Amino acid sequence: MYNVKVYHRQSDAALIVDNDGKIVIKTGGSIVPDSETQAAHIADVSTATVAWTTAEKGRFNAALAALEGVGILATS
């Protein structure tokens, strides 16, 4: 029996990703809103910013990189 991990739910227009399922965004691909445009680039948090710890800056910058990696944020 074949078990589908990513599917369109019949009751509405939702795309469902089940446990162990994933969606792979290939190089050049992107995830975009209704406007079909990427969100503007957000610059990394500078090491000079004193309000956050180094670890917090690193986590924030990693999240930005992940959003850029799947095409949600522009890279520059």
PDB file of N, CA and C in Angstrom:
ATOM      1  N   MET A   1       0.842  -1.182   0.000  1.00  0.00           N
ATOM      2  CA  MET A   1       0.000   0.000   0.000  1.00  0.00           C
ATOM      3  C   MET A   1       0.891   1.250   0.000  1.00  0.00           C
ATOM      4  N   TYR A   2       0.562   2.205  -0.828  1.00  0.00           N
ATOM      5  CA  TYR A   2       1.317   3.453  -0.945  1.00  0.00           C
ATOM      6  C   TYR A   2       0.722   4.488  -0.009  1.00  0.00           C
ATOM      7  N   ASN A   3       1.557   5.133   0.797  1.00  0.00           N
ATOM      8  CA  ASN A   3       1.085   6.120   1.761  1.00  0.00           C
ATOM      9  C   ASN A   3       1.585   7.500   1.341  1.00  0.00           C
ATOM     10  N   VAL A   4       0.684   8.380   0.927  1.00  0.00           N
ATOM     11  CA  VAL A   4       1.037   9.721   0.473  1.00  0.00           C
ATOM     12  C   VAL A   4       1.284  10.621   1.674  1.00  0.00           C
ATOM     13  N   LYS A   5       2.429  11.321   1.684  1.00  0.00           N
ATOM     14  CA  LYS A   5       2.794  12.193   2.793  1.00  0.00           C
ATOM     15  C   LYS A   5       2.451  13.657   2.530  1.00  0.00           C
ATOM     16  N   VAL A   6       2.294  14.045   1.260  1.00  0.00           N
ATOM     17  CA  VAL A   6       1.932  15.409   0.880  1.00  0.00           C
ATOM     18  C   VAL A   6       0.753  15.304  -0.082  1.00  0.00           C
ATOM     19  N   TYR A   7      -0.350  15.981   0.248  1.00  0.00           N
ATOM     20  CA  TYR A   7      -1.544  15.851  -0.588  1.00  0.00           C
ATOM     21  C   TYR A   7      -2.442  17.076  -0.444  1.00  0.00           C
ATOM     22  N   HIS A   8      -3.353  17.246  -1.413  1.00  0.00           N
ATOM     23  CA  HIS A   8      -4.382  18.287  -1.327  1.00  0.00           C
ATOM     24  C   HIS A   8      -5.573  17.687  -0.604  1.00  0.00           C
ATOM     25  N   ARG A   9      -6.006  18.334   0.459  1.00  0.00           N
ATOM     26  CA  ARG A   9      -7.185  17.879   1.194  1.00  0.00           C
ATOM     27  C   ARG A   9      -8.420  18.111   0.328  1.00  0.00           C
ATOM     28  N   GLN A  10      -9.320  17.150   0.266  1.00  0.00           N
ATOM     29  CA  GLN A  10     -10.488  17.243  -0.603  1.00  0.00           C
ATOM     30  C   GLN A  10     -11.516  18.266  -0.134  1.00  0.00           C
ATOM     31  N   SER A  11     -11.591  18.543   1.171  1.00  0.00           N
ATOM     32  CA  SER A  11     -12.641  19.416   1.681  1.00  0.00           C
ATOM     33  C   SER A  11     -12.380  20.904   1.433  1.00  0.00           C
ATOM     34  N   ASP A  12     -11.140  21.273   1.125  1.00  0.00           N
ATOM     35  CA  ASP A  12     -10.819  22.668   0.851  1.00  0.00           C
ATOM     36  C   ASP A  12      -9.538  22.735   0.013  1.00  0.00           C
ATOM     37  N   ALA A  13      -8.961  23.877  -0.076  1.00  0.00           N
ATOM     38  CA  ALA A  13      -7.794  24.054  -0.936  1.00  0.00           C
ATOM     39  C   ALA A  13      -6.472  23.921  -0.179  1.00  0.00           C
ATOM     40  N   ALA A  14      -6.479  23.240   0.964  1.00  0.00           N
ATOM     41  CA  ALA A  14      -5.265  23.129   1.767  1.00  0.00           C
ATOM     42  C   ALA A  14      -4.315  22.070   1.214  1.00  0.00           C
ATOM     43  N   LEU A  15      -3.035  22.351   1.266  1.00  0.00           N
ATOM     44  CA  LEU A  15      -1.998  21.381   0.965  1.00  0.00           C
ATOM     45  C   LEU A  15      -1.516  20.844   2.304  1.00  0.00           C
ATOM     46  N   ILE A  16      -1.588  19.540   2.493  1.00  0.00           N
ATOM     47  CA  ILE A  16      -1.261  18.917   3.771  1.00  0.00           C
ATOM     48  C   ILE A  16       0.085  18.207   3.655  1.00  0.00           C
ATOM     49  N   VAL A  17       0.950  18.440   4.652  1.00  0.00           N
ATOM     50  CA  VAL A  17       2.216  17.728   4.753  1.00  0.00           C
ATOM     51  C   VAL A  17       2.133  16.885   6.018  1.00  0.00           C
ATOM     52  N   ASP A  18       1.997  15.577   5.846  1.00  0.00           N
ATOM     53  CA  ASP A  18       1.868  14.659   6.975  1.00  0.00           C
ATOM     54  C   ASP A  18       3.205  14.418   7.656  1.00  0.00           C
ATOM     55  N   ASN A  19       3.147  13.713   8.784  1.00  0.00           N
ATOM     56  CA  ASN A  19       4.335  13.316   9.510  1.00  0.00           C
ATOM     57  C   ASN A  19       5.322  12.628   8.558  1.00  0.00           C
ATOM     58  N   ASP A  20       6.561  13.054   8.578  1.00  0.00           N
ATOM     59  CA  ASP A  20       7.634  12.539   7.715  1.00  0.00           C
ATOM     60  C   ASP A  20       7.530  13.013   6.272  1.00  0.00           C
ATOM     61  N   GLY A  21       6.539  13.843   5.940  1.00  0.00           N
ATOM     62  CA  GLY A  21       6.445  14.407   4.597  1.00  0.00           C
ATOM     63  C   GLY A  21       7.244  15.696   4.518  1.00  0.00           C
ATOM     64  N   LYS A  22       7.545  16.139   3.324  1.00  0.00           N
ATOM     65  CA  LYS A  22       8.251  17.416   3.162  1.00  0.00           C
ATOM     66  C   LYS A  22       8.010  17.971   1.774  1.00  0.00           C
ATOM     67  N   ILE A  23       8.197  19.258   1.667  1.00  0.00           N
ATOM     68  CA  ILE A  23       8.148  19.948   0.382  1.00  0.00           C
ATOM     69  C   ILE A  23       9.559  20.461   0.123  1.00  0.00           C
ATOM     70  N   VAL A  24      10.109  20.140  -1.020  1.00  0.00           N
ATOM     71  CA  VAL A  24      11.473  20.533  -1.354  1.00  0.00           C
ATOM     72  C   VAL A  24      11.417  21.674  -2.360  1.00  0.00           C
ATOM     73  N   ILE A  25      12.060  22.782  -2.014  1.00  0.00           N
ATOM     74  CA  ILE A  25      12.144  23.929  -2.911  1.00  0.00           C
ATOM     75  C   ILE A  25      13.480  23.840  -3.640  1.00  0.00           C
ATOM     76  N   LYS A  26      13.450  23.620  -4.931  1.00  0.00           N
ATOM     77  CA  LYS A  26      14.671  23.514  -5.724  1.00  0.00           C
ATOM     78  C   LYS A  26      15.291  24.890  -5.926  1.00  0.00           C
ATOM     79  N   THR A  27      16.584  24.910  -6.241  1.00  0.00           N
ATOM     80  CA  THR A  27      17.302  26.149  -6.497  1.00  0.00           C
ATOM     81  C   THR A  27      16.547  26.971  -7.533  1.00  0.00           C
ATOM     82  N   GLY A  28      16.313  28.222  -7.196  1.00  0.00           N
ATOM     83  CA  GLY A  28      15.568  29.108  -8.092  1.00  0.00           C
ATOM     84  C   GLY A  28      14.073  29.109  -7.824  1.00  0.00           C
ATOM     85  N   GLY A  29      13.580  28.121  -7.075  1.00  0.00           N
ATOM     86  CA  GLY A  29      12.168  28.073  -6.718  1.00  0.00           C
ATOM     87  C   GLY A  29      11.903  28.971  -5.536  1.00  0.00           C
ATOM     88  N   SER A  30      10.627  29.271  -5.266  1.00  0.00           N
ATOM     89  CA  SER A  30      10.308  30.130  -4.136  1.00  0.00           C
ATOM     90  C   SER A  30       8.888  29.888  -3.656  1.00  0.00           C
ATOM     91  N   ILE A  31       8.634  30.370  -2.456  1.00  0.00           N
ATOM     92  CA  ILE A  31       7.296  30.381  -1.875  1.00  0.00           C
ATOM     93  C   ILE A  31       6.898  31.843  -1.806  1.00  0.00           C
ATOM     94  N   VAL A  32       5.773  32.209  -2.414  1.00  0.00           N
ATOM     95  CA  VAL A  32       5.391  33.616  -2.473  1.00  0.00           C
ATOM     96  C   VAL A  32       3.931  33.799  -2.058  1.00  0.00           C
ATOM     97  N   PRO A  33       3.573  34.994  -1.595  1.00  0.00           N
ATOM     98  CA  PRO A  33       2.180  35.291  -1.242  1.00  0.00           C
ATOM     99  C   PRO A  33       1.334  35.539  -2.494  1.00  0.00           C
ATOM    100  N   ASP A  34       0.079  35.904  -2.299  1.00  0.00           N
ATOM    101  CA  ASP A  34      -0.840  36.155  -3.410  1.00  0.00           C
ATOM    102  C   ASP A  34      -0.300  37.153  -4.429  1.00  0.00           C
ATOM    103  N   SER A  35       0.474  38.100  -3.956  1.00  0.00           N
ATOM    104  CA  SER A  35       1.016  39.110  -4.870  1.00  0.00           C
ATOM    105  C   SER A  35       2.063  38.525  -5.811  1.00  0.00           C
ATOM    106  N   GLU A  36       2.505  37.309  -5.522  1.00  0.00           N
ATOM    107  CA  GLU A  36       3.535  36.604  -6.280  1.00  0.00           C
ATOM    108  C   GLU A  36       4.858  37.350  -6.319  1.00  0.00           C
ATOM    109  N   THR A  37       5.131  38.121  -5.273  1.00  0.00           N
ATOM    110  CA  THR A  37       6.415  38.798  -5.142  1.00  0.00           C
ATOM    111  C   THR A  37       7.047  38.412  -3.811  1.00  0.00           C
ATOM    112  N   GLN A  38       8.359  38.371  -3.793  1.00  0.00           N
ATOM    113  CA  GLN A  38       9.071  38.065  -2.556  1.00  0.00           C
ATOM    114  C   GLN A  38       8.981  39.234  -1.586  1.00  0.00           C
ATOM    115  N   ALA A  39       9.102  38.925  -0.320  1.00  0.00           N
ATOM    116  CA  ALA A  39       9.244  39.979   0.688  1.00  0.00           C
ATOM    117  C   ALA A  39      10.609  40.625   0.504  1.00  0.00           C
ATOM    118  N   ALA A  40      10.715  41.876   0.855  1.00  0.00           N
ATOM    119  CA  ALA A  40      11.972  42.607   0.708  1.00  0.00           C
ATOM    120  C   ALA A  40      13.052  42.001   1.594  1.00  0.00           C
ATOM    121  N   HIS A  41      14.292  42.207   1.206  1.00  0.00           N
ATOM    122  CA  HIS A  41      15.434  41.733   1.971  1.00  0.00           C
ATOM    123  C   HIS A  41      15.450  42.383   3.359  1.00  0.00           C
ATOM    124  N   ILE A  42      15.810  41.610   4.368  1.00  0.00           N
ATOM    125  CA  ILE A  42      15.998  42.121   5.722  1.00  0.00           C
ATOM    126  C   ILE A  42      17.458  41.879   6.073  1.00  0.00           C
ATOM    127  N   ALA A  43      18.168  42.920   6.412  1.00  0.00           N
ATOM    128  CA  ALA A  43      19.594  42.798   6.703  1.00  0.00           C
ATOM    129  C   ALA A  43      19.826  42.010   7.986  1.00  0.00           C
ATOM    130  N   ASP A  44      20.950  41.299   8.034  1.00  0.00           N
ATOM    131  CA  ASP A  44      21.345  40.588   9.246  1.00  0.00           C
ATOM    132  C   ASP A  44      21.495  41.561  10.407  1.00  0.00           C
ATOM    133  N   VAL A  45      21.314  41.036  11.603  1.00  0.00           N
ATOM    134  CA  VAL A  45      21.536  41.828  12.800  1.00  0.00           C
ATOM    135  C   VAL A  45      23.041  41.993  12.964  1.00  0.00           C
ATOM    136  N   SER A  46      23.480  43.191  13.110  1.00  0.00           N
ATOM    137  CA  SER A  46      24.903  43.500  13.229  1.00  0.00           C
ATOM    138  C   SER A  46      25.470  43.020  14.559  1.00  0.00           C
ATOM    139  N   THR A  47      26.742  42.674  14.537  1.00  0.00           N
ATOM    140  CA  THR A  47      27.414  42.304  15.782  1.00  0.00           C
ATOM    141  C   THR A  47      27.533  43.492  16.724  1.00  0.00           C
ATOM    142  N   ALA A  48      27.342  44.705  16.210  1.00  0.00           N
ATOM    143  CA  ALA A  48      27.423  45.908  17.040  1.00  0.00           C
ATOM    144  C   ALA A  48      26.128  46.170  17.806  1.00  0.00           C
ATOM    145  N   THR A  49      25.042  45.481  17.437  1.00  0.00           N
ATOM    146  CA  THR A  49      23.769  45.678  18.132  1.00  0.00           C
ATOM    147  C   THR A  49      23.905  45.172  19.566  1.00  0.00           C
ATOM    148  N   VAL A  50      23.713  46.033  20.539  1.00  0.00           N
ATOM    149  CA  VAL A  50      23.952  45.653  21.939  1.00  0.00           C
ATOM    150  C   VAL A  50      22.710  45.131  22.647  1.00  0.00           C
ATOM    151  N   ALA A  51      21.549  45.249  22.054  1.00  0.00           N
ATOM    152  CA  ALA A  51      20.310  44.850  22.730  1.00  0.00           C
ATOM    153  C   ALA A  51      20.144  43.336  22.799  1.00  0.00           C
ATOM    154  N   TRP A  52      20.826  42.562  21.933  1.00  0.00           N
ATOM    155  CA  TRP A  52      20.671  41.107  21.887  1.00  0.00           C
ATOM    156  C   TRP A  52      21.983  40.426  22.231  1.00  0.00           C
ATOM    157  N   THR A  53      21.874  39.217  22.734  1.00  0.00           N
ATOM    158  CA  THR A  53      23.086  38.427  22.974  1.00  0.00           C
ATOM    159  C   THR A  53      23.610  37.908  21.633  1.00  0.00           C
ATOM    160  N   THR A  54      24.833  37.447  21.629  1.00  0.00           N
ATOM    161  CA  THR A  54      25.420  36.876  20.411  1.00  0.00           C
ATOM    162  C   THR A  54      24.589  35.688  19.936  1.00  0.00           C
ATOM    163  N   ALA A  55      24.126  34.861  20.852  1.00  0.00           N
ATOM    164  CA  ALA A  55      23.307  33.692  20.493  1.00  0.00           C
ATOM    165  C   ALA A  55      21.983  34.121  19.852  1.00  0.00           C
ATOM    166  N   GLU A  56      21.352  35.152  20.411  1.00  0.00           N
ATOM    167  CA  GLU A  56      20.091  35.650  19.837  1.00  0.00           C
ATOM    168  C   GLU A  56      20.311  36.187  18.426  1.00  0.00           C
ATOM    169  N   LYS A  57      21.386  36.922  18.234  1.00  0.00           N
ATOM    170  CA  LYS A  57      21.709  37.443  16.893  1.00  0.00           C
ATOM    171  C   LYS A  57      21.916  36.300  15.918  1.00  0.00           C
ATOM    172  N   GLY A  58      22.627  35.293  16.370  1.00  0.00           N
ATOM    173  CA  GLY A  58      22.883  34.137  15.504  1.00  0.00           C
ATOM    174  C   GLY A  58      21.608  33.414  15.112  1.00  0.00           C
ATOM    175  N   ARG A  59      20.702  33.223  16.067  1.00  0.00           N
ATOM    176  CA  ARG A  59      19.429  32.548  15.759  1.00  0.00           C
ATOM    177  C   ARG A  59      18.576  33.377  14.803  1.00  0.00           C
ATOM    178  N   PHE A  60      18.540  34.693  15.019  1.00  0.00           N
ATOM    179  CA  PHE A  60      17.769  35.565  14.137  1.00  0.00           C
ATOM    180  C   PHE A  60      18.343  35.542  12.722  1.00  0.00           C
ATOM    181  N   ASN A  61      19.643  35.669  12.605  1.00  0.00           N
ATOM    182  CA  ASN A  61      20.279  35.658  11.286  1.00  0.00           C
ATOM    183  C   ASN A  61      20.109  34.311  10.591  1.00  0.00           C
ATOM    184  N   ALA A  62      20.110  33.222  11.357  1.00  0.00           N
ATOM    185  CA  ALA A  62      19.873  31.894  10.781  1.00  0.00           C
ATOM    186  C   ALA A  62      18.442  31.781  10.251  1.00  0.00           C
ATOM    187  N   ALA A  63      17.484  32.365  10.974  1.00  0.00           N
ATOM    188  CA  ALA A  63      16.091  32.348  10.506  1.00  0.00           C
ATOM    189  C   ALA A  63      15.955  33.151   9.209  1.00  0.00           C
ATOM    190  N   LEU A  64      16.624  34.299   9.136  1.00  0.00           N
ATOM    191  CA  LEU A  64      16.602  35.084   7.893  1.00  0.00           C
ATOM    192  C   LEU A  64      17.199  34.278   6.746  1.00  0.00           C
ATOM    193  N   ALA A  65      18.311  33.602   6.994  1.00  0.00           N
ATOM    194  CA  ALA A  65      18.956  32.804   5.952  1.00  0.00           C
ATOM    195  C   ALA A  65      18.034  31.684   5.479  1.00  0.00           C
ATOM    196  N   ALA A  66      17.297  31.059   6.394  1.00  0.00           N
ATOM    197  CA  ALA A  66      16.370  29.994   6.021  1.00  0.00           C
ATOM    198  C   ALA A  66      15.239  30.547   5.153  1.00  0.00           C
ATOM    199  N   LEU A  67      14.705  31.710   5.500  1.00  0.00           N
ATOM    200  CA  LEU A  67      13.640  32.324   4.698  1.00  0.00           C
ATOM    201  C   LEU A  67      14.152  32.721   3.322  1.00  0.00           C
ATOM    202  N   GLU A  68      15.395  33.180   3.249  1.00  0.00           N
ATOM    203  CA  GLU A  68      16.006  33.486   1.951  1.00  0.00           C
ATOM    204  C   GLU A  68      16.225  32.192   1.155  1.00  0.00           C
ATOM    205  N   GLY A  69      16.623  31.148   1.857  1.00  0.00           N
ATOM    206  CA  GLY A  69      16.929  29.879   1.197  1.00  0.00           C
ATOM    207  C   GLY A  69      15.740  29.257   0.468  1.00  0.00           C
ATOM    208  N   VAL A  70      14.533  29.479   0.976  1.00  0.00           N
ATOM    209  CA  VAL A  70      13.342  28.940   0.306  1.00  0.00           C
ATOM    210  C   VAL A  70      12.623  29.980  -0.534  1.00  0.00           C
ATOM    211  N   GLY A  71      13.236  31.174  -0.669  1.00  0.00           N
ATOM    212  CA  GLY A  71      12.695  32.170  -1.561  1.00  0.00           C
ATOM    213  C   GLY A  71      11.633  33.073  -0.979  1.00  0.00           C
ATOM    214  N   ILE A  72      11.391  33.008   0.319  1.00  0.00           N
ATOM    215  CA  ILE A  72      10.378  33.868   0.916  1.00  0.00           C
ATOM    216  C   ILE A  72      10.894  35.300   1.015  1.00  0.00           C
ATOM    217  N   LEU A  73      12.168  35.460   1.400  1.00  0.00           N
ATOM    218  CA  LEU A  73      12.802  36.787   1.452  1.00  0.00           C
ATOM    219  C   LEU A  73      13.791  36.912   0.314  1.00  0.00           C
ATOM    220  N   ALA A  74      13.870  38.101  -0.250  1.00  0.00           N
ATOM    221  CA  ALA A  74      14.887  38.367  -1.253  1.00  0.00           C
ATOM    222  C   ALA A  74      16.262  38.344  -0.573  1.00  0.00           C
ATOM    223  N   THR A  75      17.306  38.010  -1.333  1.00  0.00           N
ATOM    224  CA  THR A  75      18.635  37.900  -0.741  1.00  0.00           C
ATOM    225  C   THR A  75      19.374  39.219  -0.672  1.00  0.00           C
ATOM    226  N   SER A  76      18.947  40.214  -1.416  1.00  0.00           N
ATOM    227  CA  SER A  76      19.606  41.514  -1.318  1.00  0.00           C
ATOM    228  C   SER A  76      18.708  42.584  -1.888  1.00  0.00           C
TER     229      SER A  76
END
